[in-house]
Amino acid sequence: MPLGVGIIGAGPGVAALHVPVLGRVPDLFNVVHIADAGSGRARGLAERCGARWSEGEAGLLADPAVEVVAICSPPAEHGGQILAALTAGKRAIFCEKPLAASRQEAEDVVSACRAAGAVLLVGTNHLFDAAWGRAKHHLVALEGKVQAVSVTLALPPNDRYHRLVAEGGPFQAARRGRPDLKDPAVAAGVLRQLLTGLAIHDLPAVRDIAPGIDEVVYARIVSPIGYLVGYRAGGVLIQLALTMLPEGPDALWRMSIATSHDRIEVNFPPAFVHAGSAATRVRSVDGQWTEYPRDEEGGYVSEWRLLASLLEGEAPVEYDELLADAHYATDLADAVAAKVLAGVPQ
């Protein structure tokens, strides 16, 4: 019997991503309830999949048919909703990234899940993509020393992030127009939000091969919206770059890893696109490229299959890894914000 999933959130990500993905694994999960925060969008989504709908999280958490809670709400609400789900007796939680808004909140959430024996999975889909697994296997097999990692994003418009710039988002002083990104406080806030909202997709994978954050070397906001961040982790140089233009450039989401032996590229599909796994290729020292075949299923489906395995007890819940990933993202965002606030030239 498929397990009943209740989704908290009814935004574009739920409509374009989670509902279709869950429809691809009907033997494992079935959407039974969708809740919004008052937008009214839950009703239309629920009717598409024959589910119940409600406003606010209380009705969903009280629904006995909801066995798995999928938290797809704004990031600031994740921690509290995880704790509310545990209080309601739910023992399986899928949480969109980020897990929590701070180090302490992440510790509280993971501790509560561990104490309750609850299954917890964070939806950083790139980490679960088979292509990333191949890249890691290649690194281990050839024993190449990682020297540099870059993650480059060129994305078409995303209303959530463009509103952040055009309307100021949480930055109250900027409500009457575009925020002054030359103001270090504003730039630091925007950078922190972008890192914990977009860069976080790849940070667990980066942490796998370059754990620790020794020093943020540079951190710049890129107009109209984007970032350029460089930091050191041991002997590894890491660069994170994002550009998001209103004109909508061709989407690119690429992780490149330079080793002492070769260069590995993992090209992920654009967000919300159901195009199978990422594409992995390796350039050897003689300049020849080797391309790995792509899988039909991408990380979006793989993460839900993993959740099913966790529920069956076929794999352990990696509480320590979840917490370490959350700390890594928060620590990097805080270090980048501190660099900007310290007056480093922008």
Protein backbone atom coordinates (compact mmCIF):
# COMPACT_ATOMS: atom_id res chain seq x y z
CA MET A 1 0.00 0.00 0.00
CA PRO A 2 1.36 3.46 -0.88
CA LEU A 3 1.90 5.83 2.04
CA GLY A 4 -0.24 8.95 2.33
CA VAL A 5 1.65 12.21 1.84
CA GLY A 6 0.47 15.55 3.14
CA ILE A 7 2.14 18.56 1.51
CA ILE A 8 2.47 21.82 3.45
CA GLY A 9 2.78 24.47 0.76
CA ALA A 10 1.09 24.97 -2.58
CA GLY A 11 3.48 27.17 -4.50
CA PRO A 12 4.98 26.71 -7.98
CA GLY A 13 7.51 24.16 -6.69
CA VAL A 14 4.75 21.91 -5.38
CA ALA A 15 2.73 22.24 -8.59
CA ALA A 16 5.63 21.79 -11.01
CA LEU A 17 7.78 19.45 -8.98
CA HIS A 18 6.50 17.50 -6.01
CA VAL A 19 3.00 16.57 -7.18
CA PRO A 20 4.26 15.30 -10.58
CA VAL A 21 7.20 13.46 -8.99
CA LEU A 22 4.99 11.69 -6.46
CA GLY A 23 2.74 10.74 -9.36
CA ARG A 24 5.69 8.82 -10.82
CA VAL A 25 6.00 6.56 -7.77
CA PRO A 26 2.36 5.56 -7.12
CA ASP A 27 3.44 2.23 -5.67
CA LEU A 28 5.27 4.08 -2.88
CA PHE A 29 3.37 7.30 -2.15
CA ASN A 30 0.00 8.92 -2.69
CA VAL A 31 -0.79 12.61 -2.13
CA VAL A 32 -3.76 12.71 0.25
CA HIS A 33 -3.74 16.28 1.58
CA ILE A 34 -2.36 19.68 0.50
CA ALA A 35 -2.40 22.79 2.69
CA ASP A 36 -1.64 26.39 1.83
CA ALA A 37 -1.21 29.46 4.01
CA GLY A 38 -4.29 31.23 2.64
CA SER A 39 -3.44 31.61 -1.04
CA GLY A 40 -6.24 29.27 -2.13
CA ARG A 41 -3.90 27.34 -4.43
CA ALA A 42 -4.13 24.12 -2.41
CA ARG A 43 -7.67 23.44 -3.59
CA GLY A 44 -6.79 23.36 -7.28
CA LEU A 45 -3.73 21.19 -6.72
CA ALA A 46 -5.62 18.81 -4.45
CA GLU A 47 -8.44 18.41 -6.95
CA ARG A 48 -5.91 17.39 -9.60
CA CYS A 49 -4.79 14.39 -7.55
CA GLY A 50 -7.97 13.55 -5.68
CA ALA A 51 -6.66 14.81 -2.33
CA ARG A 52 -8.11 16.86 0.50
CA TRP A 53 -7.08 20.45 1.00
CA SER A 54 -7.01 22.93 3.83
CA GLU A 55 -5.75 26.33 4.90
CA GLY A 56 -2.96 26.29 7.47
CA GLU A 57 -1.06 23.27 8.71
CA ALA A 58 -3.32 22.19 11.59
CA GLY A 59 -5.89 20.33 9.50
CA LEU A 60 -3.22 18.47 7.56
CA LEU A 61 -1.33 17.43 10.69
CA ALA A 62 -4.58 16.20 12.27
CA ASP A 63 -5.43 14.09 9.20
CA PRO A 64 -4.87 10.40 10.06
CA ALA A 65 -4.38 9.59 6.37
CA VAL A 66 -1.20 11.70 6.34
CA GLU A 67 1.66 9.37 7.14
CA VAL A 68 4.45 11.41 5.53
CA VAL A 69 4.62 15.19 5.84
CA ALA A 70 6.30 17.06 2.98
CA ILE A 71 7.30 20.54 4.08
CA CYS A 72 7.46 22.83 1.05
CA SER A 73 6.76 26.16 2.73
CA PRO A 74 9.00 29.26 2.95
CA PRO A 75 12.38 28.41 4.54
CA ALA A 76 11.80 30.35 7.76
CA GLU A 77 8.87 28.05 8.60
CA HIS A 78 10.63 24.70 8.13
CA GLY A 79 11.98 24.17 11.62
CA GLY A 80 8.73 24.98 13.40
CA GLN A 81 6.69 22.82 11.05
CA ILE A 82 8.98 19.83 11.53
CA LEU A 83 8.52 20.11 15.29
CA ALA A 84 4.75 20.50 14.83
CA ALA A 85 4.65 17.37 12.69
CA LEU A 86 6.48 15.42 15.39
CA THR A 87 4.07 16.72 18.04
CA ALA A 88 1.19 15.53 15.85
CA GLY A 89 2.68 12.04 15.88
CA LYS A 90 3.97 12.03 12.30
CA ARG A 91 7.09 9.90 12.00
CA ALA A 92 8.25 10.61 8.45
CA ILE A 93 9.17 14.07 7.20
CA PHE A 94 10.46 15.25 3.83
CA CYS A 95 11.71 18.83 4.15
CA GLU A 96 12.65 21.10 1.30
CA LYS A 97 15.99 22.81 1.76
CA PRO A 98 17.09 24.44 3.96
CA LEU A 99 16.42 22.30 7.00
CA ALA A 100 16.45 25.28 9.37
CA ALA A 101 17.22 28.97 9.54
CA SER A 102 20.06 28.78 12.05
CA ARG A 103 22.58 26.43 13.62
CA GLN A 104 20.60 26.16 16.84
CA GLU A 105 17.31 25.49 15.07
CA ALA A 106 18.94 22.74 13.00
CA GLU A 107 20.28 21.13 16.18
CA ASP A 108 16.86 21.32 17.84
CA VAL A 109 15.11 19.80 14.84
CA VAL A 110 17.54 16.94 14.33
CA SER A 111 17.61 16.17 18.07
CA ALA A 112 13.81 16.04 18.15
CA CYS A 113 13.65 13.75 15.12
CA ARG A 114 16.33 11.48 16.56
CA ALA A 115 14.54 11.27 19.92
CA ALA A 116 11.24 10.44 18.23
CA GLY A 117 12.83 7.93 15.88
CA ALA A 118 11.34 9.90 13.00
CA VAL A 119 12.51 9.50 9.42
CA LEU A 120 13.87 12.81 8.13
CA LEU A 121 15.10 13.63 4.63
CA VAL A 122 16.11 17.03 3.22
CA GLY A 123 15.31 17.59 -0.44
CA THR A 124 18.71 18.55 -1.82
CA ASN A 125 18.03 16.56 -4.98
CA HIS A 126 21.49 16.97 -6.56
CA LEU A 127 22.99 14.93 -3.73
CA PHE A 128 20.76 11.99 -4.67
CA ASP A 129 21.28 12.23 -8.43
CA ALA A 130 22.90 9.10 -9.86
CA ALA A 131 25.27 11.33 -11.84
CA TRP A 132 26.73 12.73 -8.64
CA GLY A 133 27.19 9.17 -7.38
CA ARG A 134 29.19 8.37 -10.53
CA ALA A 135 31.34 11.46 -10.07
CA LYS A 136 32.13 10.50 -6.47
CA HIS A 137 32.93 6.93 -7.54
CA HIS A 138 35.32 8.28 -10.18
CA LEU A 139 37.09 10.44 -7.60
CA VAL A 140 37.53 7.49 -5.24
CA ALA A 141 38.56 5.03 -7.96
CA LEU A 142 41.32 7.21 -9.44
CA GLU A 143 42.42 8.61 -6.08
CA GLY A 144 42.83 12.03 -7.64
CA LYS A 145 43.52 14.89 -5.26
CA VAL A 146 40.76 17.48 -5.55
CA GLN A 147 42.28 20.89 -6.20
CA ALA A 148 39.32 23.11 -7.07
CA VAL A 149 35.53 22.98 -7.23
CA SER A 150 33.25 25.43 -9.01
CA VAL A 151 29.47 25.53 -9.11
CA THR A 152 28.13 27.80 -11.83
CA LEU A 153 24.46 28.74 -12.21
CA ALA A 154 22.88 30.78 -15.00
CA LEU A 155 19.16 30.72 -14.40
CA PRO A 156 16.07 32.16 -16.06
CA PRO A 157 13.88 34.40 -13.93
CA ASN A 158 12.51 33.04 -10.66
CA ASP A 159 9.70 35.20 -9.26
CA ARG A 160 10.68 34.56 -5.66
CA TYR A 161 14.21 35.89 -6.07
CA HIS A 162 13.30 38.70 -8.43
CA ARG A 163 10.74 39.91 -5.88
CA LEU A 164 13.57 39.95 -3.36
CA VAL A 165 15.39 42.50 -5.51
CA ALA A 166 12.48 44.37 -7.07
CA GLU A 167 10.40 44.72 -3.92
CA GLY A 168 13.00 44.32 -1.21
CA GLY A 169 11.67 41.08 0.27
CA PRO A 170 12.44 41.10 3.99
CA PHE A 171 14.48 44.27 3.78
CA GLN A 172 11.99 46.83 5.00
CA ALA A 173 14.06 49.87 4.05
CA ALA A 174 13.88 48.92 0.40
CA ARG A 175 10.11 48.64 0.07
CA ARG A 176 9.74 51.73 -2.10
CA GLY A 177 12.17 50.54 -4.74
CA ARG A 178 15.07 48.30 -5.51
CA PRO A 179 17.29 47.70 -2.48
CA ASP A 180 20.62 49.47 -2.42
CA LEU A 181 22.97 46.55 -3.00
CA LYS A 182 25.89 48.88 -2.31
CA ASP A 183 24.72 48.96 1.29
CA PRO A 184 26.74 46.18 2.99
CA ALA A 185 23.84 45.23 5.27
CA VAL A 186 21.46 44.79 2.36
CA ALA A 187 24.04 42.99 0.21
CA ALA A 188 24.88 40.65 3.09
CA GLY A 189 21.21 39.80 3.62
CA VAL A 190 20.56 39.13 -0.06
CA LEU A 191 23.71 37.00 -0.35
CA ARG A 192 22.76 34.97 2.69
CA GLN A 193 19.28 34.31 1.31
CA LEU A 194 20.60 33.30 -2.11
CA LEU A 195 23.17 30.93 -0.64
CA THR A 196 20.67 29.20 1.63
CA GLY A 197 18.05 29.11 -1.14
CA LEU A 198 20.04 28.20 -4.26
CA ALA A 199 23.67 27.33 -3.53
CA ILE A 200 22.42 24.94 -0.87
CA HIS A 201 21.39 22.49 -3.61
CA ASP A 202 25.07 21.65 -4.10
CA LEU A 203 26.66 22.38 -0.73
CA PRO A 204 26.13 18.83 0.65
CA ALA A 205 27.97 17.47 -2.41
CA VAL A 206 30.74 20.07 -2.02
CA ARG A 207 31.06 19.15 1.66
CA ASP A 208 31.50 15.50 0.65
CA ILE A 209 34.75 16.28 -1.14
CA ALA A 210 35.89 19.47 0.61
CA PRO A 211 34.67 19.46 4.20
CA GLY A 212 35.20 22.51 6.35
CA ILE A 213 35.30 26.23 5.62
CA ASP A 214 38.71 27.70 6.35
CA GLU A 215 38.41 31.16 4.84
CA VAL A 216 36.02 33.15 2.66
CA VAL A 217 38.35 34.87 0.21
CA TYR A 218 35.80 37.01 -1.65
CA ALA A 219 32.05 37.57 -1.64
CA ARG A 220 30.31 39.84 -4.09
CA ILE A 221 26.70 40.49 -5.01
CA VAL A 222 26.16 40.48 -8.78
CA SER A 223 23.59 42.88 -10.24
CA PRO A 224 20.71 42.58 -10.92
CA ILE A 225 20.72 39.40 -8.86
CA GLY A 226 23.45 36.86 -8.31
CA TYR A 227 26.66 36.24 -6.43
CA LEU A 228 30.33 35.39 -6.74
CA VAL A 229 31.77 33.67 -3.69
CA GLY A 230 35.16 32.06 -3.22
CA TYR A 231 36.44 30.18 -0.20
CA ARG A 232 39.07 27.68 0.88
CA ALA A 233 38.48 24.27 2.43
CA GLY A 234 41.78 22.65 3.27
CA GLY A 235 43.79 22.65 0.08
CA VAL A 236 40.69 23.01 -2.11
CA LEU A 237 39.60 26.27 -3.75
CA ILE A 238 35.83 26.58 -4.16
CA GLN A 239 33.93 29.11 -6.25
CA LEU A 240 30.16 29.58 -6.32
CA ALA A 241 28.73 31.77 -9.08
CA LEU A 242 25.15 32.71 -9.93
CA THR A 243 23.58 35.02 -12.48
CA MET A 244 19.84 35.41 -12.87
CA LEU A 245 18.82 37.93 -15.51
CA PRO A 246 15.33 39.24 -16.33
CA GLU A 247 15.94 38.44 -20.00
CA GLY A 248 16.33 34.78 -19.04
CA PRO A 249 19.65 33.28 -20.20
CA ASP A 250 19.88 29.65 -21.24
CA ALA A 251 19.80 27.64 -18.05
CA LEU A 252 23.10 26.22 -16.85
CA TRP A 253 23.73 24.38 -13.58
CA ARG A 254 27.23 22.90 -13.58
CA MET A 255 29.58 21.52 -10.97
CA SER A 256 33.18 21.24 -12.10
CA ILE A 257 35.86 19.41 -10.12
CA ALA A 258 39.53 19.77 -11.01
CA THR A 259 41.79 17.04 -9.67
CA SER A 260 45.46 16.20 -10.01
CA HIS A 261 44.48 13.75 -12.79
CA ASP A 262 41.52 15.17 -14.68
CA ARG A 263 38.46 17.40 -14.75
CA ILE A 264 34.94 16.21 -13.93
CA GLU A 265 31.80 18.07 -15.02
CA VAL A 266 28.32 17.35 -13.73
CA ASN A 267 25.64 19.25 -15.64
CA PHE A 268 22.33 19.22 -13.76
CA PRO A 269 18.97 19.82 -15.46
CA PRO A 270 17.33 23.16 -14.65
CA ALA A 271 15.19 23.28 -11.52
CA PHE A 272 11.68 21.80 -11.88
CA VAL A 273 12.59 20.14 -15.18
CA HIS A 274 11.89 16.40 -15.30
CA ALA A 275 14.69 15.39 -17.65
CA GLY A 276 16.31 12.46 -15.88
CA SER A 277 19.67 12.52 -14.17
CA ALA A 278 22.45 15.02 -14.61
CA ALA A 279 25.05 14.46 -17.32
CA THR A 280 28.56 13.56 -16.15
CA ARG A 281 31.69 13.73 -18.25
CA VAL A 282 35.41 13.50 -17.51
CA ARG A 283 38.29 15.18 -19.33
CA SER A 284 41.56 13.27 -19.01
CA VAL A 285 45.05 14.76 -19.13
CA ASP A 286 45.28 14.04 -22.87
CA GLY A 287 42.22 16.21 -23.53
CA GLN A 288 39.81 13.38 -24.26
CA TRP A 289 36.27 13.54 -22.87
CA THR A 290 34.46 10.47 -21.55
CA GLU A 291 30.70 10.82 -21.10
CA TYR A 292 28.66 8.65 -18.76
CA PRO A 293 25.13 7.60 -19.75
CA ARG A 294 22.26 9.42 -18.09
CA ASP A 295 19.57 7.72 -16.03
CA GLU A 296 15.89 8.07 -16.82
CA GLU A 297 15.20 9.04 -13.22
CA GLY A 298 16.78 12.14 -11.71
CA GLY A 299 17.44 13.24 -8.17
CA TYR A 300 13.85 14.36 -7.60
CA VAL A 301 12.59 10.79 -7.90
CA SER A 302 15.66 9.25 -6.25
CA GLU A 303 15.17 11.24 -3.04
CA TRP A 304 11.61 9.93 -2.66
CA ARG A 305 12.77 6.38 -3.34
CA LEU A 306 15.37 6.83 -0.62
CA LEU A 307 12.68 8.05 1.77
CA ALA A 308 10.74 4.85 1.08
CA SER A 309 13.87 2.82 1.84
CA LEU A 310 14.35 4.69 5.10
CA LEU A 311 10.76 3.94 6.07
CA GLU A 312 11.28 0.26 5.31
CA GLY A 313 14.41 0.21 7.46
CA GLU A 314 16.56 -0.69 4.45
CA ALA A 315 18.86 2.28 5.13
CA PRO A 316 19.60 4.28 8.29
CA VAL A 317 18.53 7.87 8.79
CA GLU A 318 21.77 9.83 8.73
CA TYR A 319 20.96 12.37 11.43
CA ASP A 320 24.60 13.40 11.87
CA GLU A 321 25.03 14.01 8.14
CA LEU A 322 21.81 16.02 7.95
CA LEU A 323 22.98 18.20 10.81
CA ALA A 324 26.47 18.59 9.35
CA ASP A 325 24.99 19.65 6.00
CA ALA A 326 22.76 22.20 7.73
CA HIS A 327 25.70 23.57 9.74
CA TYR A 328 27.88 23.79 6.62
CA ALA A 329 25.30 25.86 4.72
CA THR A 330 24.59 28.13 7.69
CA ASP A 331 28.27 28.60 8.50
CA LEU A 332 29.09 29.50 4.91
CA ALA A 333 26.18 31.94 4.64
CA ASP A 334 27.19 33.56 7.93
CA ALA A 335 30.86 33.79 6.91
CA VAL A 336 29.95 35.34 3.56
CA ALA A 337 27.63 37.86 5.22
CA ALA A 338 30.37 38.73 7.73
CA LYS A 339 32.85 39.26 4.89
CA VAL A 340 30.51 41.73 3.24
CA LEU A 341 29.69 43.51 6.50
CA ALA A 342 33.41 43.86 7.22
CA GLY A 343 33.60 46.24 4.29
CA VAL A 344 35.29 44.08 1.68
CA PRO A 345 35.03 45.94 -1.67
CA GLN A 346 31.99 44.93 -3.62
